[in-house]
Amino acid sequence: MGLNLKIARIKKGLSQKELAKLAGISPATVSKAENGKINLRIDTIKKISKVLDTPIMDLFFSEDK
């Protein structure tokens, strides 16, 4: 989960701090999400998806089994 988020953030040229500011969340939340240490609320997931212009499924759900 976190790796997809990190890759999408980097592709957009954003730091964790910049993504956090644009999504209205803390940089610590971004870091924890990228490291798989927390489960995000759906409203937070939607905000991140919108900022990164990437579908939720691509960011948070891997096709790997």
C-alpha atoms as a PDB file:
ATOM      1  CA  MET A   1       0.000   0.000   0.000  1.00  0.00           C
ATOM      2  CA  GLY A   2       2.553   2.569   1.093  1.00  0.00           C
ATOM      3  CA  LEU A   3       4.889   2.012  -1.818  1.00  0.00           C
ATOM      4  CA  ASN A   4       2.209   2.921  -4.365  1.00  0.00           C
ATOM      5  CA  LEU A   5       1.477   6.103  -2.429  1.00  0.00           C
ATOM      6  CA  LYS A   6       5.149   7.037  -2.255  1.00  0.00           C
ATOM      7  CA  ILE A   7       5.696   6.393  -5.970  1.00  0.00           C
ATOM      8  CA  ALA A   8       2.672   8.507  -6.931  1.00  0.00           C
ATOM      9  CA  ARG A   9       3.855  11.334  -4.663  1.00  0.00           C
ATOM     10  CA  ILE A  10       7.346  11.290  -6.145  1.00  0.00           C
ATOM     11  CA  LYS A  11       5.973  11.184  -9.720  1.00  0.00           C
ATOM     12  CA  LYS A  12       4.045  14.378  -8.924  1.00  0.00           C
ATOM     13  CA  GLY A  13       7.264  15.952  -7.663  1.00  0.00           C
ATOM     14  CA  LEU A  14       5.926  16.471  -4.150  1.00  0.00           C
ATOM     15  CA  SER A  15       7.659  16.083  -0.815  1.00  0.00           C
ATOM     16  CA  GLN A  16       5.792  14.491   2.070  1.00  0.00           C
ATOM     17  CA  LYS A  17       5.407  17.965   3.564  1.00  0.00           C
ATOM     18  CA  GLU A  18       3.976  19.407   0.331  1.00  0.00           C
ATOM     19  CA  LEU A  19       1.501  16.536  -0.076  1.00  0.00           C
ATOM     20  CA  ALA A  20       0.434  16.915   3.528  1.00  0.00           C
ATOM     21  CA  LYS A  21      -0.202  20.639   3.115  1.00  0.00           C
ATOM     22  CA  LEU A  22      -2.207  20.186  -0.086  1.00  0.00           C
ATOM     23  CA  ALA A  23      -4.277  17.370   1.434  1.00  0.00           C
ATOM     24  CA  GLY A  24      -4.807  19.146   4.758  1.00  0.00           C
ATOM     25  CA  ILE A  25      -3.107  16.457   6.823  1.00  0.00           C
ATOM     26  CA  SER A  26       0.106  16.269   8.829  1.00  0.00           C
ATOM     27  CA  PRO A  27       3.446  15.255   7.308  1.00  0.00           C
ATOM     28  CA  ALA A  28       3.625  12.549   9.977  1.00  0.00           C
ATOM     29  CA  THR A  29       0.404  11.044   8.614  1.00  0.00           C
ATOM     30  CA  VAL A  30       1.876  10.926   5.108  1.00  0.00           C
ATOM     31  CA  SER A  31       5.040   9.282   6.413  1.00  0.00           C
ATOM     32  CA  LYS A  32       3.149   6.699   8.454  1.00  0.00           C
ATOM     33  CA  ALA A  33       0.862   5.908   5.515  1.00  0.00           C
ATOM     34  CA  GLU A  34       3.825   5.416   3.183  1.00  0.00           C
ATOM     35  CA  ASN A  35       5.448   3.116   5.734  1.00  0.00           C
ATOM     36  CA  GLY A  36       2.248   1.120   6.299  1.00  0.00           C
ATOM     37  CA  LYS A  37       2.092   2.063   9.973  1.00  0.00           C
ATOM     38  CA  ILE A  38      -1.453   3.458   9.996  1.00  0.00           C
ATOM     39  CA  ASN A  39      -4.791   2.901   8.342  1.00  0.00           C
ATOM     40  CA  LEU A  40      -6.172   6.111   6.905  1.00  0.00           C
ATOM     41  CA  ARG A  41      -9.760   7.289   7.189  1.00  0.00           C
ATOM     42  CA  ILE A  42     -11.713   7.287   3.935  1.00  0.00           C
ATOM     43  CA  ASP A  43     -11.926  11.092   3.851  1.00  0.00           C
ATOM     44  CA  THR A  44      -8.134  11.303   4.113  1.00  0.00           C
ATOM     45  CA  ILE A  45      -7.722   8.702   1.378  1.00  0.00           C
ATOM     46  CA  LYS A  46      -9.997  10.736  -0.893  1.00  0.00           C
ATOM     47  CA  LYS A  47      -8.038  13.935  -0.241  1.00  0.00           C
ATOM     48  CA  ILE A  48      -4.711  12.277  -1.053  1.00  0.00           C
ATOM     49  CA  SER A  49      -6.148  10.668  -4.180  1.00  0.00           C
ATOM     50  CA  LYS A  50      -7.447  14.031  -5.384  1.00  0.00           C
ATOM     51  CA  VAL A  51      -4.158  15.847  -4.749  1.00  0.00           C
ATOM     52  CA  LEU A  52      -2.174  13.147  -6.545  1.00  0.00           C
ATOM     53  CA  ASP A  53      -4.798  12.858  -9.309  1.00  0.00           C
ATOM     54  CA  THR A  54      -4.578   9.094  -8.938  1.00  0.00           C
ATOM     55  CA  PRO A  55      -7.430   6.620  -8.369  1.00  0.00           C
ATOM     56  CA  ILE A  56      -7.791   5.324  -4.820  1.00  0.00           C
ATOM     57  CA  MET A  57      -7.435   1.741  -6.032  1.00  0.00           C
ATOM     58  CA  ASP A  58      -4.052   2.534  -7.596  1.00  0.00           C
ATOM     59  CA  LEU A  59      -2.765   4.248  -4.458  1.00  0.00           C
ATOM     60  CA  PHE A  60      -3.952   1.982  -1.699  1.00  0.00           C
ATOM     61  CA  PHE A  61      -4.694  -1.438  -3.133  1.00  0.00           C
ATOM     62  CA  SER A  62      -2.084  -3.638  -4.744  1.00  0.00           C
ATOM     63  CA  GLU A  63      -2.874  -6.261  -7.352  1.00  0.00           C
ATOM     64  CA  ASP A  64      -0.038  -8.417  -6.013  1.00  0.00           C
ATOM     65  CA  LYS A  65      -1.167 -11.419  -3.985  1.00  0.00           C
END
